[in-house]
Amino acid sequence: MQLLCNGSSIPIAQMGPDYLILASAGDHPPCNASIVLKVDDSERRWDVHLPDGISARSKRVALSAPSPVTYPALRCPVAEFGASRAAEWQILAKRGDLDPM
């Protein structure tokens, strides 16, 4: 298991429902990250949020749901829509939520 965070790949020693225990820790600010679980030839990835970041003083890291993505040209987070990205843009354009480029 690996935690991909700000360009770093950090080995995960243990994983709980809302926390990780890292094999080694360094300082990272709060951010969105990805967990990679690889077993044999199968790999699964999912996005998480590190609300407290990572501290070099503790190997335990709190997890939460990832923060919604807000694109610069939009006035609202895209994550509120369950449609595909193309459909999201169409919905936003109809609602007038696209800023002129």
C-alpha atoms as a PDB file:
ATOM      1  CA  MET A   1       0.000   0.000   0.000  1.00  0.00           C
ATOM      2  CA  GLN A   2       1.222   3.474  -0.878  1.00  0.00           C
ATOM      3  CA  LEU A   3       0.017   6.996  -0.155  1.00  0.00           C
ATOM      4  CA  LEU A   4       0.575   9.356  -3.081  1.00  0.00           C
ATOM      5  CA  CYS A   5       0.825  12.852  -1.625  1.00  0.00           C
ATOM      6  CA  ASN A   6       2.239  16.027  -3.205  1.00  0.00           C
ATOM      7  CA  GLY A   7       4.459  14.045  -5.583  1.00  0.00           C
ATOM      8  CA  SER A   8       5.703  11.668  -2.847  1.00  0.00           C
ATOM      9  CA  SER A   9       4.985   7.948  -2.575  1.00  0.00           C
ATOM     10  CA  ILE A  10       4.841   6.995   1.110  1.00  0.00           C
ATOM     11  CA  PRO A  11       4.569   3.342   2.229  1.00  0.00           C
ATOM     12  CA  ILE A  12       1.478   2.546   4.340  1.00  0.00           C
ATOM     13  CA  ALA A  13       2.032   0.090   7.207  1.00  0.00           C
ATOM     14  CA  GLN A  14      -1.613  -0.170   8.298  1.00  0.00           C
ATOM     15  CA  MET A  15      -4.959   1.222   7.188  1.00  0.00           C
ATOM     16  CA  GLY A  16      -8.088   1.877   9.246  1.00  0.00           C
ATOM     17  CA  PRO A  17     -11.496   3.285   8.279  1.00  0.00           C
ATOM     18  CA  ASP A  18     -10.494   6.912   8.877  1.00  0.00           C
ATOM     19  CA  TYR A  19      -6.738   6.794   9.410  1.00  0.00           C
ATOM     20  CA  LEU A  20      -3.444   5.420   8.101  1.00  0.00           C
ATOM     21  CA  ILE A  21      -0.306   4.320   9.901  1.00  0.00           C
ATOM     22  CA  LEU A  22       2.649   5.201   7.688  1.00  0.00           C
ATOM     23  CA  ALA A  23       5.880   3.201   7.572  1.00  0.00           C
ATOM     24  CA  SER A  24       7.761   6.510   7.739  1.00  0.00           C
ATOM     25  CA  ALA A  25       6.525  10.063   8.080  1.00  0.00           C
ATOM     26  CA  GLY A  26       7.621  13.519   7.011  1.00  0.00           C
ATOM     27  CA  ASP A  27       5.877  16.866   7.104  1.00  0.00           C
ATOM     28  CA  HIS A  28       3.141  17.509   4.504  1.00  0.00           C
ATOM     29  CA  PRO A  29       0.373  20.125   4.736  1.00  0.00           C
ATOM     30  CA  PRO A  30      -3.331  19.174   4.508  1.00  0.00           C
ATOM     31  CA  CYS A  31      -4.107  18.057   0.947  1.00  0.00           C
ATOM     32  CA  ASN A  32      -5.936  15.628  -1.289  1.00  0.00           C
ATOM     33  CA  ALA A  33      -4.006  12.401  -1.846  1.00  0.00           C
ATOM     34  CA  SER A  34      -4.460   8.905  -3.302  1.00  0.00           C
ATOM     35  CA  ILE A  35      -4.125   5.485  -1.746  1.00  0.00           C
ATOM     36  CA  VAL A  36      -2.785   2.716  -3.982  1.00  0.00           C
ATOM     37  CA  LEU A  37      -3.441  -0.901  -3.002  1.00  0.00           C
ATOM     38  CA  LYS A  38      -1.653  -3.467  -5.149  1.00  0.00           C
ATOM     39  CA  VAL A  39      -2.155  -7.211  -4.719  1.00  0.00           C
ATOM     40  CA  ASP A  40      -0.472  -9.484  -7.244  1.00  0.00           C
ATOM     41  CA  ASP A  41      -1.378  -7.992 -10.645  1.00  0.00           C
ATOM     42  CA  SER A  42      -4.435  -6.111  -9.395  1.00  0.00           C
ATOM     43  CA  GLU A  43      -4.248  -2.433  -8.423  1.00  0.00           C
ATOM     44  CA  ARG A  44      -6.924  -0.257  -6.837  1.00  0.00           C
ATOM     45  CA  ARG A  45      -6.693   3.503  -6.234  1.00  0.00           C
ATOM     46  CA  TRP A  46      -8.951   5.880  -4.392  1.00  0.00           C
ATOM     47  CA  ASP A  47      -8.799   9.520  -3.438  1.00  0.00           C
ATOM     48  CA  VAL A  48      -8.754  10.751   0.156  1.00  0.00           C
ATOM     49  CA  HIS A  49      -8.228  14.030   1.988  1.00  0.00           C
ATOM     50  CA  LEU A  50      -5.615  14.483   4.711  1.00  0.00           C
ATOM     51  CA  PRO A  51      -7.381  17.130   6.850  1.00  0.00           C
ATOM     52  CA  ASP A  52      -4.451  17.476   9.277  1.00  0.00           C
ATOM     53  CA  GLY A  53      -1.697  16.747   6.762  1.00  0.00           C
ATOM     54  CA  ILE A  54       1.237  14.554   7.817  1.00  0.00           C
ATOM     55  CA  SER A  55       3.527  15.298  10.736  1.00  0.00           C
ATOM     56  CA  ALA A  56       7.054  13.932  11.080  1.00  0.00           C
ATOM     57  CA  ARG A  57       6.243  13.491  14.792  1.00  0.00           C
ATOM     58  CA  SER A  58       3.495  10.905  14.199  1.00  0.00           C
ATOM     59  CA  LYS A  59       3.008   8.042  11.772  1.00  0.00           C
ATOM     60  CA  ARG A  60      -0.779   8.155  12.255  1.00  0.00           C
ATOM     61  CA  VAL A  61      -2.587  10.215   9.604  1.00  0.00           C
ATOM     62  CA  ALA A  62      -6.282  11.180   9.681  1.00  0.00           C
ATOM     63  CA  LEU A  63      -8.355  10.567   6.520  1.00  0.00           C
ATOM     64  CA  SER A  64     -11.585  12.069   5.243  1.00  0.00           C
ATOM     65  CA  ALA A  65     -13.479  12.234   1.957  1.00  0.00           C
ATOM     66  CA  PRO A  66     -11.634  14.166  -0.769  1.00  0.00           C
ATOM     67  CA  SER A  67     -12.333  17.880  -1.118  1.00  0.00           C
ATOM     68  CA  PRO A  68     -14.474  18.847  -4.118  1.00  0.00           C
ATOM     69  CA  VAL A  69     -12.555  20.083  -7.136  1.00  0.00           C
ATOM     70  CA  THR A  70     -13.183  23.658  -8.212  1.00  0.00           C
ATOM     71  CA  TYR A  71     -11.971  24.607 -11.674  1.00  0.00           C
ATOM     72  CA  PRO A  72     -10.770  28.212 -12.127  1.00  0.00           C
ATOM     73  CA  ALA A  73     -13.282  28.958 -14.896  1.00  0.00           C
ATOM     74  CA  LEU A  74     -16.187  27.838 -12.703  1.00  0.00           C
ATOM     75  CA  ARG A  75     -17.957  29.560  -9.867  1.00  0.00           C
ATOM     76  CA  CYS A  76     -19.051  26.310  -8.232  1.00  0.00           C
ATOM     77  CA  PRO A  77     -17.437  22.934  -7.476  1.00  0.00           C
ATOM     78  CA  VAL A  78     -17.814  20.368 -10.260  1.00  0.00           C
ATOM     79  CA  ALA A  79     -18.092  17.559  -7.689  1.00  0.00           C
ATOM     80  CA  GLU A  80     -21.726  18.504  -6.958  1.00  0.00           C
ATOM     81  CA  PHE A  81     -22.787  16.917 -10.260  1.00  0.00           C
ATOM     82  CA  GLY A  82     -23.023  13.163 -10.768  1.00  0.00           C
ATOM     83  CA  ALA A  83     -22.852  13.370 -14.567  1.00  0.00           C
ATOM     84  CA  SER A  84     -19.848  12.945 -16.830  1.00  0.00           C
ATOM     85  CA  ARG A  85     -17.477  15.885 -17.247  1.00  0.00           C
ATOM     86  CA  ALA A  86     -18.914  16.802 -20.677  1.00  0.00           C
ATOM     87  CA  ALA A  87     -22.417  16.776 -19.240  1.00  0.00           C
ATOM     88  CA  GLU A  88     -21.217  18.846 -16.256  1.00  0.00           C
ATOM     89  CA  TRP A  89     -19.912  21.549 -18.582  1.00  0.00           C
ATOM     90  CA  GLN A  90     -23.239  21.588 -20.467  1.00  0.00           C
ATOM     91  CA  ILE A  91     -25.178  21.909 -17.210  1.00  0.00           C
ATOM     92  CA  LEU A  92     -22.897  24.714 -16.013  1.00  0.00           C
ATOM     93  CA  ALA A  93     -23.149  26.564 -19.311  1.00  0.00           C
ATOM     94  CA  LYS A  94     -26.957  26.420 -19.185  1.00  0.00           C
ATOM     95  CA  ARG A  95     -26.952  27.649 -15.579  1.00  0.00           C
ATOM     96  CA  GLY A  96     -24.595  30.510 -16.459  1.00  0.00           C
ATOM     97  CA  ASP A  97     -21.892  29.245 -14.067  1.00  0.00           C
ATOM     98  CA  LEU A  98     -19.063  29.439 -16.625  1.00  0.00           C
ATOM     99  CA  ASP A  99     -16.903  32.521 -16.517  1.00  0.00           C
ATOM    100  CA  PRO A 100     -15.769  33.919 -19.890  1.00  0.00           C
ATOM    101  CA  MET A 101     -12.246  32.749 -20.686  1.00  0.00           C
END
